[in-house]
Amino acid sequence: MHGNIPAPDGGATNMSETNFSRRQFFAEPLWFAVMCRGFWGANAWKELRFRYGESYTERTYRGWASGDNEPPARVLGSLILGGEGRRVIDRIMDAEPPKWWHNIREDERQADIFRRAMREVSQQD
């Protein structure tokens, strides 16, 4: 049935709750469905339709959102380039991140700590 995503680990519906290996993550269209469901819930197909309008049929949107088929690369690319871009990249990279991704995340964490410290110092003056 469209709209029901079988949970790979018996209950998770978003990427942060699943333990996919990278090979398993990209081996089937379910990864996209799980990601979309994590972002937009049970109405993920409607959000996809809202974003892409009449470019595809309702059946196609439902297929992507249920894991029946994988969207074309241009759809994933437009999600990455759009407002959800960082969340999309984070979900993809969470599957099995390489060392360079850990380094980027650590740099961001350090920058956040620095910004908070500078904000506190400026508020004390």
PDB file of N, CA and C in Angstrom:
ATOM      1  N   MET A   1       0.850  -1.179   0.000  1.00  0.00           N
ATOM      2  CA  MET A   1       0.000   0.000   0.000  1.00  0.00           C
ATOM      3  C   MET A   1       0.890   1.235   0.000  1.00  0.00           C
ATOM      4  N   HIS A   2       0.564   2.195  -0.838  1.00  0.00           N
ATOM      5  CA  HIS A   2       1.346   3.420  -0.900  1.00  0.00           C
ATOM      6  C   HIS A   2       1.216   4.178   0.415  1.00  0.00           C
ATOM      7  N   GLY A   3       2.324   4.800   0.812  1.00  0.00           N
ATOM      8  CA  GLY A   3       2.309   5.608   2.014  1.00  0.00           C
ATOM      9  C   GLY A   3       2.797   4.878   3.243  1.00  0.00           C
ATOM     10  N   ASN A   4       2.801   3.561   3.222  1.00  0.00           N
ATOM     11  CA  ASN A   4       3.310   2.811   4.357  1.00  0.00           C
ATOM     12  C   ASN A   4       4.727   2.367   4.072  1.00  0.00           C
ATOM     13  N   ILE A   5       5.649   2.845   4.863  1.00  0.00           N
ATOM     14  CA  ILE A   5       7.043   2.478   4.681  1.00  0.00           C
ATOM     15  C   ILE A   5       7.374   1.403   5.696  1.00  0.00           C
ATOM     16  N   PRO A   6       7.782   0.226   5.229  1.00  0.00           N
ATOM     17  CA  PRO A   6       8.169  -0.789   6.196  1.00  0.00           C
ATOM     18  C   PRO A   6       9.439  -0.356   6.910  1.00  0.00           C
ATOM     19  N   ALA A   7       9.417  -0.386   8.211  1.00  0.00           N
ATOM     20  CA  ALA A   7      10.579   0.042   8.986  1.00  0.00           C
ATOM     21  C   ALA A   7      11.627  -1.053   8.985  1.00  0.00           C
ATOM     22  N   PRO A   8      12.844  -0.747   8.529  1.00  0.00           N
ATOM     23  CA  PRO A   8      13.885  -1.757   8.408  1.00  0.00           C
ATOM     24  C   PRO A   8      14.291  -2.389   9.729  1.00  0.00           C
ATOM     25  N   ASP A   9      14.159  -1.651  10.835  1.00  0.00           N
ATOM     26  CA  ASP A   9      14.573  -2.213  12.109  1.00  0.00           C
ATOM     27  C   ASP A   9      13.394  -2.446  13.050  1.00  0.00           C
ATOM     28  N   GLY A  10      12.201  -2.521  12.501  1.00  0.00           N
ATOM     29  CA  GLY A  10      11.034  -2.835  13.304  1.00  0.00           C
ATOM     30  C   GLY A  10      10.358  -1.651  13.959  1.00  0.00           C
ATOM     31  N   GLY A  11      10.658  -0.419  13.558  1.00  0.00           N
ATOM     32  CA  GLY A  11       9.941   0.681  14.157  1.00  0.00           C
ATOM     33  C   GLY A  11      10.421   2.057  13.743  1.00  0.00           C
ATOM     34  N   ALA A  12      11.596   2.177  13.223  1.00  0.00           N
ATOM     35  CA  ALA A  12      12.116   3.492  12.861  1.00  0.00           C
ATOM     36  C   ALA A  12      11.509   3.975  11.556  1.00  0.00           C
ATOM     37  N   THR A  13      11.259   5.273  11.479  1.00  0.00           N
ATOM     38  CA  THR A  13      10.743   5.833  10.235  1.00  0.00           C
ATOM     39  C   THR A  13      11.598   6.977   9.734  1.00  0.00           C
ATOM     40  N   ASN A  14      12.738   7.222  10.343  1.00  0.00           N
ATOM     41  CA  ASN A  14      13.627   8.241   9.785  1.00  0.00           C
ATOM     42  C   ASN A  14      15.069   7.787   9.873  1.00  0.00           C
ATOM     43  N   MET A  15      15.905   8.437   9.075  1.00  0.00           N
ATOM     44  CA  MET A  15      17.284   7.979   8.922  1.00  0.00           C
ATOM     45  C   MET A  15      18.077   8.013  10.223  1.00  0.00           C
ATOM     46  N   SER A  16      17.780   8.938  11.113  1.00  0.00           N
ATOM     47  CA  SER A  16      18.562   9.023  12.338  1.00  0.00           C
ATOM     48  C   SER A  16      18.280   7.844  13.259  1.00  0.00           C
ATOM     49  N   GLU A  17      17.182   7.128  13.034  1.00  0.00           N
ATOM     50  CA  GLU A  17      16.844   5.996  13.881  1.00  0.00           C
ATOM     51  C   GLU A  17      17.209   4.651  13.253  1.00  0.00           C
ATOM     52  N   THR A  18      17.769   4.655  12.074  1.00  0.00           N
ATOM     53  CA  THR A  18      18.084   3.400  11.407  1.00  0.00           C
ATOM     54  C   THR A  18      19.573   3.168  11.353  1.00  0.00           C
ATOM     55  N   ASN A  19      19.962   1.930  11.141  1.00  0.00           N
ATOM     56  CA  ASN A  19      21.370   1.570  11.058  1.00  0.00           C
ATOM     57  C   ASN A  19      21.645   0.936   9.701  1.00  0.00           C
ATOM     58  N   PHE A  20      21.643   1.741   8.651  1.00  0.00           N
ATOM     59  CA  PHE A  20      21.929   1.252   7.316  1.00  0.00           C
ATOM     60  C   PHE A  20      23.437   1.241   7.098  1.00  0.00           C
ATOM     61  N   SER A  21      23.941   0.261   6.395  1.00  0.00           N
ATOM     62  CA  SER A  21      25.304   0.396   5.893  1.00  0.00           C
ATOM     63  C   SER A  21      25.200   1.230   4.633  1.00  0.00           C
ATOM     64  N   ARG A  22      26.292   1.849   4.211  1.00  0.00           N
ATOM     65  CA  ARG A  22      26.247   2.709   3.028  1.00  0.00           C
ATOM     66  C   ARG A  22      25.777   1.921   1.811  1.00  0.00           C
ATOM     67  N   ARG A  23      26.273   0.724   1.622  1.00  0.00           N
ATOM     68  CA  ARG A  23      25.884  -0.095   0.483  1.00  0.00           C
ATOM     69  C   ARG A  23      24.383  -0.391   0.545  1.00  0.00           C
ATOM     70  N   GLN A  24      23.907  -0.765   1.709  1.00  0.00           N
ATOM     71  CA  GLN A  24      22.491  -1.084   1.879  1.00  0.00           C
ATOM     72  C   GLN A  24      21.640   0.178   1.701  1.00  0.00           C
ATOM     73  N   PHE A  25      22.143   1.319   2.169  1.00  0.00           N
ATOM     74  CA  PHE A  25      21.411   2.570   2.114  1.00  0.00           C
ATOM     75  C   PHE A  25      21.044   2.956   0.690  1.00  0.00           C
ATOM     76  N   PHE A  26      21.999   2.819  -0.237  1.00  0.00           N
ATOM     77  CA  PHE A  26      21.749   3.232  -1.611  1.00  0.00           C
ATOM     78  C   PHE A  26      21.331   2.078  -2.515  1.00  0.00           C
ATOM     79  N   ALA A  27      21.208   0.876  -1.982  1.00  0.00           N
ATOM     80  CA  ALA A  27      20.904  -0.283  -2.808  1.00  0.00           C
ATOM     81  C   ALA A  27      19.435  -0.361  -3.202  1.00  0.00           C
ATOM     82  N   GLU A  28      18.579   0.336  -2.524  1.00  0.00           N
ATOM     83  CA  GLU A  28      17.156   0.247  -2.821  1.00  0.00           C
ATOM     84  C   GLU A  28      16.494   1.604  -2.620  1.00  0.00           C
ATOM     85  N   PRO A  29      15.337   1.834  -3.220  1.00  0.00           N
ATOM     86  CA  PRO A  29      14.698   3.142  -3.139  1.00  0.00           C
ATOM     87  C   PRO A  29      14.135   3.478  -1.763  1.00  0.00           C
ATOM     88  N   LEU A  30      14.140   2.529  -0.844  1.00  0.00           N
ATOM     89  CA  LEU A  30      13.589   2.780   0.482  1.00  0.00           C
ATOM     90  C   LEU A  30      14.290   3.934   1.195  1.00  0.00           C
ATOM     91  N   TRP A  31      15.578   4.129   0.946  1.00  0.00           N
ATOM     92  CA  TRP A  31      16.318   5.189   1.642  1.00  0.00           C
ATOM     93  C   TRP A  31      15.665   6.552   1.421  1.00  0.00           C
ATOM     94  N   PHE A  32      15.213   6.813   0.189  1.00  0.00           N
ATOM     95  CA  PHE A  32      14.607   8.104  -0.109  1.00  0.00           C
ATOM     96  C   PHE A  32      13.272   8.236   0.613  1.00  0.00           C
ATOM     97  N   ALA A  33      12.510   7.160   0.628  1.00  0.00           N
ATOM     98  CA  ALA A  33      11.217   7.164   1.313  1.00  0.00           C
ATOM     99  C   ALA A  33      11.381   7.397   2.807  1.00  0.00           C
ATOM    100  N   VAL A  34      12.346   6.739   3.409  1.00  0.00           N
ATOM    101  CA  VAL A  34      12.589   6.902   4.845  1.00  0.00           C
ATOM    102  C   VAL A  34      13.017   8.336   5.148  1.00  0.00           C
ATOM    103  N   MET A  35      13.878   8.887   4.297  1.00  0.00           N
ATOM    104  CA  MET A  35      14.312  10.262   4.484  1.00  0.00           C
ATOM    105  C   MET A  35      13.120  11.223   4.379  1.00  0.00           C
ATOM    106  N   CYS A  36      12.317  11.074   3.341  1.00  0.00           N
ATOM    107  CA  CYS A  36      11.153  11.957   3.154  1.00  0.00           C
ATOM    108  C   CYS A  36      10.160  11.822   4.301  1.00  0.00           C
ATOM    109  N   ARG A  37       9.914  10.598   4.728  1.00  0.00           N
ATOM    110  CA  ARG A  37       8.992  10.371   5.843  1.00  0.00           C
ATOM    111  C   ARG A  37       9.528  11.034   7.108  1.00  0.00           C
ATOM    112  N   GLY A  38      10.844  10.995   7.296  1.00  0.00           N
ATOM    113  CA  GLY A  38      11.443  11.663   8.451  1.00  0.00           C
ATOM    114  C   GLY A  38      11.266  13.172   8.416  1.00  0.00           C
ATOM    115  N   PHE A  39      11.285  13.744   7.217  1.00  0.00           N
ATOM    116  CA  PHE A  39      11.116  15.191   7.071  1.00  0.00           C
ATOM    117  C   PHE A  39       9.652  15.611   7.164  1.00  0.00           C
ATOM    118  N   TRP A  40       8.790  14.906   6.444  1.00  0.00           N
ATOM    119  CA  TRP A  40       7.428  15.393   6.226  1.00  0.00           C
ATOM    120  C   TRP A  40       6.326  14.472   6.721  1.00  0.00           C
ATOM    121  N   GLY A  41       6.672  13.380   7.371  1.00  0.00           N
ATOM    122  CA  GLY A  41       5.666  12.489   7.932  1.00  0.00           C
ATOM    123  C   GLY A  41       4.911  11.704   6.873  1.00  0.00           C
ATOM    124  N   ALA A  42       3.710  11.308   7.234  1.00  0.00           N
ATOM    125  CA  ALA A  42       2.903  10.430   6.388  1.00  0.00           C
ATOM    126  C   ALA A  42       2.502  11.073   5.066  1.00  0.00           C
ATOM    127  N   ASN A  43       2.518  12.386   4.990  1.00  0.00           N
ATOM    128  CA  ASN A  43       2.131  13.081   3.761  1.00  0.00           C
ATOM    129  C   ASN A  43       3.330  13.502   2.924  1.00  0.00           C
ATOM    130  N   ALA A  44       4.389  12.733   2.990  1.00  0.00           N
ATOM    131  CA  ALA A  44       5.607  13.079   2.248  1.00  0.00           C
ATOM    132  C   ALA A  44       5.331  13.213   0.754  1.00  0.00           C
ATOM    133  N   TRP A  45       4.493  12.353   0.216  1.00  0.00           N
ATOM    134  CA  TRP A  45       4.211  12.417  -1.219  1.00  0.00           C
ATOM    135  C   TRP A  45       3.554  13.747  -1.586  1.00  0.00           C
ATOM    136  N   LYS A  46       2.733  14.297  -0.689  1.00  0.00           N
ATOM    137  CA  LYS A  46       2.092  15.590  -0.958  1.00  0.00           C
ATOM    138  C   LYS A  46       3.117  16.718  -0.943  1.00  0.00           C
ATOM    139  N   GLU A  47       4.083  16.627  -0.050  1.00  0.00           N
ATOM    140  CA  GLU A  47       5.146  17.630  -0.021  1.00  0.00           C
ATOM    141  C   GLU A  47       5.966  17.574  -1.305  1.00  0.00           C
ATOM    142  N   LEU A  48       6.262  16.378  -1.767  1.00  0.00           N
ATOM    143  CA  LEU A  48       6.986  16.237  -3.037  1.00  0.00           C
ATOM    144  C   LEU A  48       6.181  16.833  -4.184  1.00  0.00           C
ATOM    145  N   ARG A  49       4.879  16.554  -4.194  1.00  0.00           N
ATOM    146  CA  ARG A  49       4.006  17.113  -5.244  1.00  0.00           C
ATOM    147  C   ARG A  49       3.973  18.636  -5.148  1.00  0.00           C
ATOM    148  N   PHE A  50       3.927  19.170  -3.932  1.00  0.00           N
ATOM    149  CA  PHE A  50       3.933  20.618  -3.745  1.00  0.00           C
ATOM    150  C   PHE A  50       5.212  21.224  -4.327  1.00  0.00           C
ATOM    151  N   ARG A  51       6.343  20.556  -4.110  1.00  0.00           N
ATOM    152  CA  ARG A  51       7.628  21.071  -4.570  1.00  0.00           C
ATOM    153  C   ARG A  51       7.792  20.965  -6.080  1.00  0.00           C
ATOM    154  N   TYR A  52       7.267  19.909  -6.683  1.00  0.00           N
ATOM    155  CA  TYR A  52       7.504  19.656  -8.111  1.00  0.00           C
ATOM    156  C   TYR A  52       6.260  19.809  -8.964  1.00  0.00           C
ATOM    157  N   GLY A  53       5.129  20.104  -8.352  1.00  0.00           N
ATOM    158  CA  GLY A  53       3.907  20.389  -9.091  1.00  0.00           C
ATOM    159  C   GLY A  53       3.501  19.283 -10.044  1.00  0.00           C
ATOM    160  N   GLU A  54       3.153  19.686 -11.247  1.00  0.00           N
ATOM    161  CA  GLU A  54       2.656  18.746 -12.246  1.00  0.00           C
ATOM    162  C   GLU A  54       3.772  18.092 -13.055  1.00  0.00           C
ATOM    163  N   SER A  55       5.006  18.217 -12.581  1.00  0.00           N
ATOM    164  CA  SER A  55       6.130  17.622 -13.305  1.00  0.00           C
ATOM    165  C   SER A  55       6.018  16.101 -13.375  1.00  0.00           C
ATOM    166  N   TYR A  56       5.390  15.514 -12.369  1.00  0.00           N
ATOM    167  CA  TYR A  56       5.246  14.061 -12.299  1.00  0.00           C
ATOM    168  C   TYR A  56       3.818  13.740 -11.889  1.00  0.00           C
ATOM    169  N   THR A  57       3.420  12.493 -12.031  1.00  0.00           N
ATOM    170  CA  THR A  57       2.066  12.091 -11.655  1.00  0.00           C
ATOM    171  C   THR A  57       1.978  11.827 -10.154  1.00  0.00           C
ATOM    172  N   GLU A  58       0.769  11.855  -9.636  1.00  0.00           N
ATOM    173  CA  GLU A  58       0.552  11.544  -8.226  1.00  0.00           C
ATOM    174  C   GLU A  58       1.085  10.148  -7.904  1.00  0.00           C
ATOM    175  N   ARG A  59       0.865   9.226  -8.810  1.00  0.00           N
ATOM    176  CA  ARG A  59       1.351   7.861  -8.615  1.00  0.00           C
ATOM    177  C   ARG A  59       2.881   7.826  -8.458  1.00  0.00           C
ATOM    178  N   THR A  60       3.580   8.647  -9.229  1.00  0.00           N
ATOM    179  CA  THR A  60       5.039   8.724  -9.135  1.00  0.00           C
ATOM    180  C   THR A  60       5.458   9.259  -7.776  1.00  0.00           C
ATOM    181  N   TYR A  61       4.807  10.342  -7.315  1.00  0.00           N
ATOM    182  CA  TYR A  61       5.137  10.899  -6.007  1.00  0.00           C
ATOM    183  C   TYR A  61       4.889   9.881  -4.904  1.00  0.00           C
ATOM    184  N   ARG A  62       3.771   9.194  -4.997  1.00  0.00           N
ATOM    185  CA  ARG A  62       3.459   8.172  -3.991  1.00  0.00           C
ATOM    186  C   ARG A  62       4.489   7.036  -4.029  1.00  0.00           C
ATOM    187  N   GLY A  63       4.933   6.679  -5.210  1.00  0.00           N
ATOM    188  CA  GLY A  63       5.950   5.639  -5.350  1.00  0.00           C
ATOM    189  C   GLY A  63       7.264   6.024  -4.694  1.00  0.00           C
ATOM    190  N   TRP A  64       7.674   7.262  -4.873  1.00  0.00           N
ATOM    191  CA  TRP A  64       8.913   7.728  -4.227  1.00  0.00           C
ATOM    192  C   TRP A  64       8.753   7.729  -2.714  1.00  0.00           C
ATOM    193  N   ALA A  65       7.619   8.255  -2.252  1.00  0.00           N
ATOM    194  CA  ALA A  65       7.397   8.397  -0.809  1.00  0.00           C
ATOM    195  C   ALA A  65       7.179   7.068  -0.107  1.00  0.00           C
ATOM    196  N   SER A  66       6.808   6.030  -0.839  1.00  0.00           N
ATOM    197  CA  SER A  66       6.574   4.721  -0.221  1.00  0.00           C
ATOM    198  C   SER A  66       7.746   3.765  -0.409  1.00  0.00           C
ATOM    199  N   GLY A  67       8.732   4.160  -1.205  1.00  0.00           N
ATOM    200  CA  GLY A  67       9.879   3.297  -1.441  1.00  0.00           C
ATOM    201  C   GLY A  67       9.671   2.310  -2.565  1.00  0.00           C
ATOM    202  N   ASP A  68       8.582   2.460  -3.325  1.00  0.00           N
ATOM    203  CA  ASP A  68       8.350   1.559  -4.455  1.00  0.00           C
ATOM    204  C   ASP A  68       9.339   1.811  -5.588  1.00  0.00           C
ATOM    205  N   ASN A  69       9.757   3.071  -5.746  1.00  0.00           N
ATOM    206  CA  ASN A  69      10.776   3.387  -6.743  1.00  0.00           C
ATOM    207  C   ASN A  69      11.573   4.600  -6.292  1.00  0.00           C
ATOM    208  N   GLU A  70      12.721   4.785  -6.896  1.00  0.00           N
ATOM    209  CA  GLU A  70      13.625   5.859  -6.523  1.00  0.00           C
ATOM    210  C   GLU A  70      13.432   7.046  -7.458  1.00  0.00           C
ATOM    211  N   PRO A  71      13.523   8.259  -6.930  1.00  0.00           N
ATOM    212  CA  PRO A  71      13.362   9.432  -7.790  1.00  0.00           C
ATOM    213  C   PRO A  71      14.590   9.633  -8.673  1.00  0.00           C
ATOM    214  N   PRO A  72      14.438  10.386  -9.752  1.00  0.00           N
ATOM    215  CA  PRO A  72      15.602  10.693 -10.584  1.00  0.00           C
ATOM    216  C   PRO A  72      16.583  11.591  -9.821  1.00  0.00           C
ATOM    217  N   ALA A  73      17.810  11.586 -10.255  1.00  0.00           N
ATOM    218  CA  ALA A  73      18.862  12.373  -9.593  1.00  0.00           C
ATOM    219  C   ALA A  73      18.520  13.859  -9.546  1.00  0.00           C
ATOM    220  N   ARG A  74      17.823  14.361 -10.555  1.00  0.00           N
ATOM    221  CA  ARG A  74      17.502  15.793 -10.556  1.00  0.00           C
ATOM    222  C   ARG A  74      16.593  16.172  -9.391  1.00  0.00           C
ATOM    223  N   VAL A  75      15.751  15.249  -8.937  1.00  0.00           N
ATOM    224  CA  VAL A  75      14.894  15.525  -7.783  1.00  0.00           C
ATOM    225  C   VAL A  75      15.743  15.606  -6.518  1.00  0.00           C
ATOM    226  N   LEU A  76      16.624  14.644  -6.333  1.00  0.00           N
ATOM    227  CA  LEU A  76      17.518  14.677  -5.179  1.00  0.00           C
ATOM    228  C   LEU A  76      18.394  15.928  -5.234  1.00  0.00           C
ATOM    229  N   GLY A  77      18.906  16.248  -6.411  1.00  0.00           N
ATOM    230  CA  GLY A  77      19.730  17.443  -6.568  1.00  0.00           C
ATOM    231  C   GLY A  77      18.982  18.707  -6.200  1.00  0.00           C
ATOM    232  N   SER A  78      17.734  18.807  -6.602  1.00  0.00           N
ATOM    233  CA  SER A  78      16.976  20.022  -6.278  1.00  0.00           C
ATOM    234  C   SER A  78      16.660  20.093  -4.788  1.00  0.00           C
ATOM    235  N   LEU A  79      16.479  18.941  -4.133  1.00  0.00           N
ATOM    236  CA  LEU A  79      16.299  18.950  -2.680  1.00  0.00           C
ATOM    237  C   LEU A  79      17.576  19.431  -1.982  1.00  0.00           C
ATOM    238  N   ILE A  80      18.717  18.974  -2.470  1.00  0.00           N
ATOM    239  CA  ILE A  80      19.997  19.388  -1.884  1.00  0.00           C
ATOM    240  C   ILE A  80      20.219  20.880  -2.082  1.00  0.00           C
ATOM    241  N   LEU A  81      19.854  21.395  -3.239  1.00  0.00           N
ATOM    242  CA  LEU A  81      20.057  22.814  -3.528  1.00  0.00           C
ATOM    243  C   LEU A  81      18.978  23.709  -2.922  1.00  0.00           C
ATOM    244  N   GLY A  82      17.885  23.112  -2.465  1.00  0.00           N
ATOM    245  CA  GLY A  82      16.780  23.882  -1.900  1.00  0.00           C
ATOM    246  C   GLY A  82      16.930  24.137  -0.409  1.00  0.00           C
ATOM    247  N   GLY A  83      15.854  24.550   0.190  1.00  0.00           N
ATOM    248  CA  GLY A  83      15.841  24.899   1.606  1.00  0.00           C
ATOM    249  C   GLY A  83      16.133  23.738   2.547  1.00  0.00           C
ATOM    250  N   GLU A  84      15.892  22.519   2.100  1.00  0.00           N
ATOM    251  CA  GLU A  84      16.150  21.340   2.924  1.00  0.00           C
ATOM    252  C   GLU A  84      17.551  20.778   2.702  1.00  0.00           C
ATOM    253  N   GLY A  85      18.365  21.476   1.917  1.00  0.00           N
ATOM    254  CA  GLY A  85      19.649  20.945   1.488  1.00  0.00           C
ATOM    255  C   GLY A  85      20.523  20.376   2.581  1.00  0.00           C
ATOM    256  N   ARG A  86      20.703  21.132   3.643  1.00  0.00           N
ATOM    257  CA  ARG A  86      21.589  20.652   4.706  1.00  0.00           C
ATOM    258  C   ARG A  86      21.026  19.400   5.375  1.00  0.00           C
ATOM    259  N   ARG A  87      19.725  19.379   5.610  1.00  0.00           N
ATOM    260  CA  ARG A  87      19.125  18.187   6.230  1.00  0.00           C
ATOM    261  C   ARG A  87      19.245  16.969   5.318  1.00  0.00           C
ATOM    262  N   VAL A  88      19.074  17.176   4.009  1.00  0.00           N
ATOM    263  CA  VAL A  88      19.201  16.068   3.055  1.00  0.00           C
ATOM    264  C   VAL A  88      20.622  15.520   3.085  1.00  0.00           C
ATOM    265  N   ILE A  89      21.598  16.399   3.005  1.00  0.00           N
ATOM    266  CA  ILE A  89      22.999  15.959   3.043  1.00  0.00           C
ATOM    267  C   ILE A  89      23.296  15.241   4.361  1.00  0.00           C
ATOM    268  N   ASP A  90      22.830  15.810   5.472  1.00  0.00           N
ATOM    269  CA  ASP A  90      23.075  15.175   6.773  1.00  0.00           C
ATOM    270  C   ASP A  90      22.491  13.765   6.823  1.00  0.00           C
ATOM    271  N   ARG A  91      21.285  13.601   6.316  1.00  0.00           N
ATOM    272  CA  ARG A  91      20.649  12.277   6.336  1.00  0.00           C
ATOM    273  C   ARG A  91      21.404  11.284   5.462  1.00  0.00           C
ATOM    274  N   ILE A  92      21.835  11.728   4.306  1.00  0.00           N
ATOM    275  CA  ILE A  92      22.594  10.845   3.416  1.00  0.00           C
ATOM    276  C   ILE A  92      23.920  10.461   4.068  1.00  0.00           C
ATOM    277  N   MET A  93      24.598  11.432   4.623  1.00  0.00           N
ATOM    278  CA  MET A  93      25.920  11.180   5.189  1.00  0.00           C
ATOM    279  C   MET A  93      25.854  10.408   6.506  1.00  0.00           C
ATOM    280  N   ASP A  94      24.731  10.449   7.191  1.00  0.00           N
ATOM    281  CA  ASP A  94      24.597   9.724   8.455  1.00  0.00           C
ATOM    282  C   ASP A  94      24.655   8.212   8.274  1.00  0.00           C
ATOM    283  N   ALA A  95      24.429   7.734   7.068  1.00  0.00           N
ATOM    284  CA  ALA A  95      24.399   6.287   6.838  1.00  0.00           C
ATOM    285  C   ALA A  95      25.727   5.637   7.222  1.00  0.00           C
ATOM    286  N   GLU A  96      26.816   6.168   6.743  1.00  0.00           N
ATOM    287  CA  GLU A  96      28.150   5.675   7.089  1.00  0.00           C
ATOM    288  C   GLU A  96      29.156   6.747   6.692  1.00  0.00           C
ATOM    289  N   PRO A  97      29.281   7.767   7.527  1.00  0.00           N
ATOM    290  CA  PRO A  97      30.073   8.928   7.128  1.00  0.00           C
ATOM    291  C   PRO A  97      31.565   8.647   7.033  1.00  0.00           C
ATOM    292  N   PRO A  98      32.204   9.195   6.005  1.00  0.00           N
ATOM    293  CA  PRO A  98      33.664   9.076   5.893  1.00  0.00           C
ATOM    294  C   PRO A  98      34.345  10.039   6.872  1.00  0.00           C
ATOM    295  N   LYS A  99      35.620   9.868   7.051  1.00  0.00           N
ATOM    296  CA  LYS A  99      36.381  10.683   8.009  1.00  0.00           C
ATOM    297  C   LYS A  99      36.276  12.175   7.699  1.00  0.00           C
ATOM    298  N   TRP A 100      36.338  12.529   6.408  1.00  0.00           N
ATOM    299  CA  TRP A 100      36.265  13.950   6.080  1.00  0.00           C
ATOM    300  C   TRP A 100      34.955  14.571   6.532  1.00  0.00           C
ATOM    301  N   TRP A 101      33.865  13.791   6.550  1.00  0.00           N
ATOM    302  CA  TRP A 101      32.582  14.326   7.009  1.00  0.00           C
ATOM    303  C   TRP A 101      32.625  14.568   8.520  1.00  0.00           C
ATOM    304  N   HIS A 102      33.251  13.651   9.253  1.00  0.00           N
ATOM    305  CA  HIS A 102      33.431  13.858  10.693  1.00  0.00           C
ATOM    306  C   HIS A 102      34.232  15.133  10.952  1.00  0.00           C
ATOM    307  N   ASN A 103      35.265  15.367  10.139  1.00  0.00           N
ATOM    308  CA  ASN A 103      36.081  16.569  10.293  1.00  0.00           C
ATOM    309  C   ASN A 103      35.263  17.836  10.060  1.00  0.00           C
ATOM    310  N   ILE A 104      34.430  17.828   9.046  1.00  0.00           N
ATOM    311  CA  ILE A 104      33.574  18.989   8.771  1.00  0.00           C
ATOM    312  C   ILE A 104      32.628  19.228   9.935  1.00  0.00           C
ATOM    313  N   ARG A 105      32.014  18.169  10.429  1.00  0.00           N
ATOM    314  CA  ARG A 105      31.075  18.312  11.552  1.00  0.00           C
ATOM    315  C   ARG A 105      31.775  18.831  12.805  1.00  0.00           C
ATOM    316  N   GLU A 106      32.991  18.350  13.055  1.00  0.00           N
ATOM    317  CA  GLU A 106      33.759  18.821  14.219  1.00  0.00           C
ATOM    318  C   GLU A 106      34.118  20.297  14.054  1.00  0.00           C
ATOM    319  N   ASP A 107      34.514  20.700  12.869  1.00  0.00           N
ATOM    320  CA  ASP A 107      34.812  22.117  12.611  1.00  0.00           C
ATOM    321  C   ASP A 107      33.580  22.980  12.860  1.00  0.00           C
ATOM    322  N   GLU A 108      32.427  22.515  12.427  1.00  0.00           N
ATOM    323  CA  GLU A 108      31.189  23.263  12.656  1.00  0.00           C
ATOM    324  C   GLU A 108      30.869  23.362  14.148  1.00  0.00           C
ATOM    325  N   ARG A 109      31.086  22.272  14.862  1.00  0.00           N
ATOM    326  CA  ARG A 109      30.829  22.267  16.301  1.00  0.00           C
ATOM    327  C   ARG A 109      31.738  23.278  17.005  1.00  0.00           C
ATOM    328  N   GLN A 110      33.015  23.292  16.631  1.00  0.00           N
ATOM    329  CA  GLN A 110      33.964  24.237  17.229  1.00  0.00           C
ATOM    330  C   GLN A 110      33.587  25.683  16.893  1.00  0.00           C
ATOM    331  N   ALA A 111      33.146  25.916  15.669  1.00  0.00           N
ATOM    332  CA  ALA A 111      32.730  27.266  15.273  1.00  0.00           C
ATOM    333  C   ALA A 111      31.507  27.711  16.073  1.00  0.00           C
ATOM    334  N   ASP A 112      30.567  26.801  16.326  1.00  0.00           N
ATOM    335  CA  ASP A 112      29.395  27.131  17.140  1.00  0.00           C
ATOM    336  C   ASP A 112      29.795  27.492  18.565  1.00  0.00           C
ATOM    337  N   ILE A 113      30.724  26.745  19.136  1.00  0.00           N
ATOM    338  CA  ILE A 113      31.204  27.034  20.488  1.00  0.00           C
ATOM    339  C   ILE A 113      31.842  28.424  20.522  1.00  0.00           C
ATOM    340  N   PHE A 114      32.658  28.724  19.526  1.00  0.00           N
ATOM    341  CA  PHE A 114      33.311  30.027  19.451  1.00  0.00           C
ATOM    342  C   PHE A 114      32.276  31.145  19.333  1.00  0.00           C
ATOM    343  N   ARG A 115      31.287  30.972  18.469  1.00  0.00           N
ATOM    344  CA  ARG A 115      30.250  32.001  18.293  1.00  0.00           C
ATOM    345  C   ARG A 115      29.477  32.246  19.591  1.00  0.00           C
ATOM    346  N   ARG A 116      29.134  31.169  20.284  1.00  0.00           N
ATOM    347  CA  ARG A 116      28.414  31.334  21.559  1.00  0.00           C
ATOM    348  C   ARG A 116      29.274  32.073  22.581  1.00  0.00           C
ATOM    349  N   ALA A 117      30.550  31.716  22.653  1.00  0.00           N
ATOM    350  CA  ALA A 117      31.457  32.383  23.594  1.00  0.00           C
ATOM    351  C   ALA A 117      31.579  33.872  23.262  1.00  0.00           C
ATOM    352  N   MET A 118      31.692  34.200  21.987  1.00  0.00           N
ATOM    353  CA  MET A 118      31.807  35.603  21.583  1.00  0.00           C
ATOM    354  C   MET A 118      30.521  36.366  21.885  1.00  0.00           C
ATOM    355  N   ARG A 119      29.385  35.721  21.712  1.00  0.00           N
ATOM    356  CA  ARG A 119      28.103  36.352  22.025  1.00  0.00           C
ATOM    357  C   ARG A 119      28.007  36.654  23.525  1.00  0.00           C
ATOM    358  N   GLU A 120      28.442  35.708  24.357  1.00  0.00           N
ATOM    359  CA  GLU A 120      28.420  35.910  25.803  1.00  0.00           C
ATOM    360  C   GLU A 120      29.335  37.060  26.211  1.00  0.00           C
ATOM    361  N   VAL A 121      30.526  37.125  25.629  1.00  0.00           N
ATOM    362  CA  VAL A 121      31.474  38.195  25.932  1.00  0.00           C
ATOM    363  C   VAL A 121      30.881  39.542  25.523  1.00  0.00           C
ATOM    364  N   SER A 122      30.276  39.624  24.357  1.00  0.00           N
ATOM    365  CA  SER A 122      29.716  40.882  23.888  1.00  0.00           C
ATOM    366  C   SER A 122      28.518  41.312  24.732  1.00  0.00           C
ATOM    367  N   GLN A 123      27.789  40.372  25.312  1.00  0.00           N
ATOM    368  CA  GLN A 123      26.638  40.710  26.148  1.00  0.00           C
ATOM    369  C   GLN A 123      27.083  41.187  27.543  1.00  0.00           C
ATOM    370  N   GLN A 124      28.294  40.813  27.956  1.00  0.00           N
ATOM    371  CA  GLN A 124      28.800  41.220  29.270  1.00  0.00           C
ATOM    372  C   GLN A 124      29.281  42.663  29.261  1.00  0.00           C
ATOM    373  N   ASP A 125      29.592  43.170  28.087  1.00  0.00           N
ATOM    374  CA  ASP A 125      30.112  44.555  27.999  1.00  0.00           C
ATOM    375  C   ASP A 125      29.042  45.586  28.136  1.00  0.00           C
TER     376      ASP A 125
END
